[in-house]
Each structure stands twice: as C-alpha cells, then as structure tokens.
C-alpha cells in the first residue's frame, strides 16, 4: 500500500490515495505572526469595502 501511494504521488495525480496531509505539509515554512496580521487586516479591509459598496451603489442608482 505504501509503495502504491508513493508511486501515485510521483505521477502528478491529485487523488486522495496519492497524498496525505503530512506529505503535503512536510516542506512548509512556519507561519509568521506578521502573516496572521496581514490576513486579518485583509479581511477587515474587504468588509469595510463591502459595506461602503453596499451603501454607495444603491444610493447612486436611486438618484
């Protein structure tokens, strides 16, 4: 079974049997705190832009 999984992983296929989570995350870099802040601030900015857009678009259509 292990040989089949390693053989399938080398073929470039993305089947569930081919790769395990540990295999995918084996060479991953550690998550830095600045990256967490960047992601959170991106969500905050996206929400603010959505709220502004939901306010501006209907008022511009109605006038």
C-alpha atoms as a PDB file:
ATOM      1  CA  UNK A   1       0.000   0.000   0.000  1.00  0.00           C
ATOM      2  CA  UNK A   2       2.804   2.417   0.916  1.00  0.00           C
ATOM      3  CA  UNK A   3       4.624   1.695  -2.355  1.00  0.00           C
ATOM      4  CA  UNK A   4       1.420   2.343  -4.328  1.00  0.00           C
ATOM      5  CA  UNK A   5       0.902   5.697  -2.600  1.00  0.00           C
ATOM      6  CA  UNK A   6       4.468   6.798  -3.244  1.00  0.00           C
ATOM      7  CA  UNK A   7       4.228   5.647  -6.861  1.00  0.00           C
ATOM      8  CA  UNK A   8       0.955   7.536  -7.336  1.00  0.00           C
ATOM      9  CA  UNK A   9       2.389  10.644  -5.673  1.00  0.00           C
ATOM     10  CA  UNK A  10       5.189  10.706  -8.216  1.00  0.00           C
ATOM     11  CA  UNK A  11       2.808  10.669 -11.183  1.00  0.00           C
ATOM     12  CA  UNK A  12       1.409  14.143 -10.553  1.00  0.00           C
ATOM     13  CA  UNK A  13      -2.093  12.894  -9.787  1.00  0.00           C
ATOM     14  CA  UNK A  14      -4.067  14.535  -7.016  1.00  0.00           C
ATOM     15  CA  UNK A  15      -6.112  11.609  -5.833  1.00  0.00           C
ATOM     16  CA  UNK A  16      -6.941  11.122  -2.172  1.00  0.00           C
ATOM     17  CA  UNK A  17      -4.812   7.990  -2.009  1.00  0.00           C
ATOM     18  CA  UNK A  18      -1.781   9.700  -3.510  1.00  0.00           C
ATOM     19  CA  UNK A  19      -1.039  12.323  -0.883  1.00  0.00           C
ATOM     20  CA  UNK A  20      -1.560  12.560   2.839  1.00  0.00           C
ATOM     21  CA  UNK A  21      -1.675  15.826   4.808  1.00  0.00           C
ATOM     22  CA  UNK A  22       1.730  15.093   6.305  1.00  0.00           C
ATOM     23  CA  UNK A  23       3.215  14.666   2.828  1.00  0.00           C
ATOM     24  CA  UNK A  24       1.816  17.980   1.626  1.00  0.00           C
ATOM     25  CA  UNK A  25       2.906  19.928   4.716  1.00  0.00           C
ATOM     26  CA  UNK A  26       6.329  18.290   5.026  1.00  0.00           C
ATOM     27  CA  UNK A  27       8.294  21.190   3.492  1.00  0.00           C
ATOM     28  CA  UNK A  28       6.057  24.044   4.657  1.00  0.00           C
ATOM     29  CA  UNK A  29       7.531  27.120   6.270  1.00  0.00           C
ATOM     30  CA  UNK A  30       6.347  28.108   9.757  1.00  0.00           C
ATOM     31  CA  UNK A  31       3.520  30.670   9.893  1.00  0.00           C
ATOM     32  CA  UNK A  32       4.836  34.061  10.987  1.00  0.00           C
ATOM     33  CA  UNK A  33       2.805  36.432  13.215  1.00  0.00           C
ATOM     34  CA  UNK A  34       3.032  39.180  10.576  1.00  0.00           C
ATOM     35  CA  UNK A  35       1.273  36.871   8.124  1.00  0.00           C
ATOM     36  CA  UNK A  36      -1.603  36.460  10.568  1.00  0.00           C
ATOM     37  CA  UNK A  37      -1.898  40.231  10.873  1.00  0.00           C
ATOM     38  CA  UNK A  38      -1.843  40.624   7.082  1.00  0.00           C
ATOM     39  CA  UNK A  39      -4.650  38.097   6.655  1.00  0.00           C
ATOM     40  CA  UNK A  40      -6.790  39.639   9.393  1.00  0.00           C
ATOM     41  CA  UNK A  41      -6.307  43.182   8.079  1.00  0.00           C
ATOM     42  CA  UNK A  42      -7.141  41.996   4.567  1.00  0.00           C
ATOM     43  CA  UNK A  43     -10.463  40.667   5.865  1.00  0.00           C
ATOM     44  CA  UNK A  44     -11.129  43.923   7.729  1.00  0.00           C
ATOM     45  CA  UNK A  45     -10.419  45.996   4.613  1.00  0.00           C
ATOM     46  CA  UNK A  46     -12.595  43.696   2.492  1.00  0.00           C
ATOM     47  CA  UNK A  47     -15.513  44.031   4.932  1.00  0.00           C
ATOM     48  CA  UNK A  48     -15.162  47.822   5.011  1.00  0.00           C
ATOM     49  CA  UNK A  49     -15.078  47.951   1.200  1.00  0.00           C
ATOM     50  CA  UNK A  50     -18.164  45.729   1.060  1.00  0.00           C
ATOM     51  CA  UNK A  51     -20.083  47.958   3.477  1.00  0.00           C
ATOM     52  CA  UNK A  52     -19.106  51.111   1.570  1.00  0.00           C
ATOM     53  CA  UNK A  53     -20.046  49.448  -1.713  1.00  0.00           C
ATOM     54  CA  UNK A  54     -23.416  48.328  -0.360  1.00  0.00           C
ATOM     55  CA  UNK A  55     -24.105  51.915   0.696  1.00  0.00           C
ATOM     56  CA  UNK A  56     -22.800  53.749  -2.388  1.00  0.00           C
ATOM     57  CA  UNK A  57     -24.227  51.550  -5.153  1.00  0.00           C
ATOM     58  CA  UNK A  58     -27.913  51.649  -4.098  1.00  0.00           C
ATOM     59  CA  UNK A  59     -27.816  55.380  -3.401  1.00  0.00           C
ATOM     60  CA  UNK A  60     -26.200  56.112  -6.775  1.00  0.00           C
ATOM     61  CA  UNK A  61     -28.819  54.016  -8.577  1.00  0.00           C
ATOM     62  CA  UNK A  62     -31.728  55.710  -6.806  1.00  0.00           C
ATOM     63  CA  UNK A  63     -30.629  59.260  -7.653  1.00  0.00           C
END
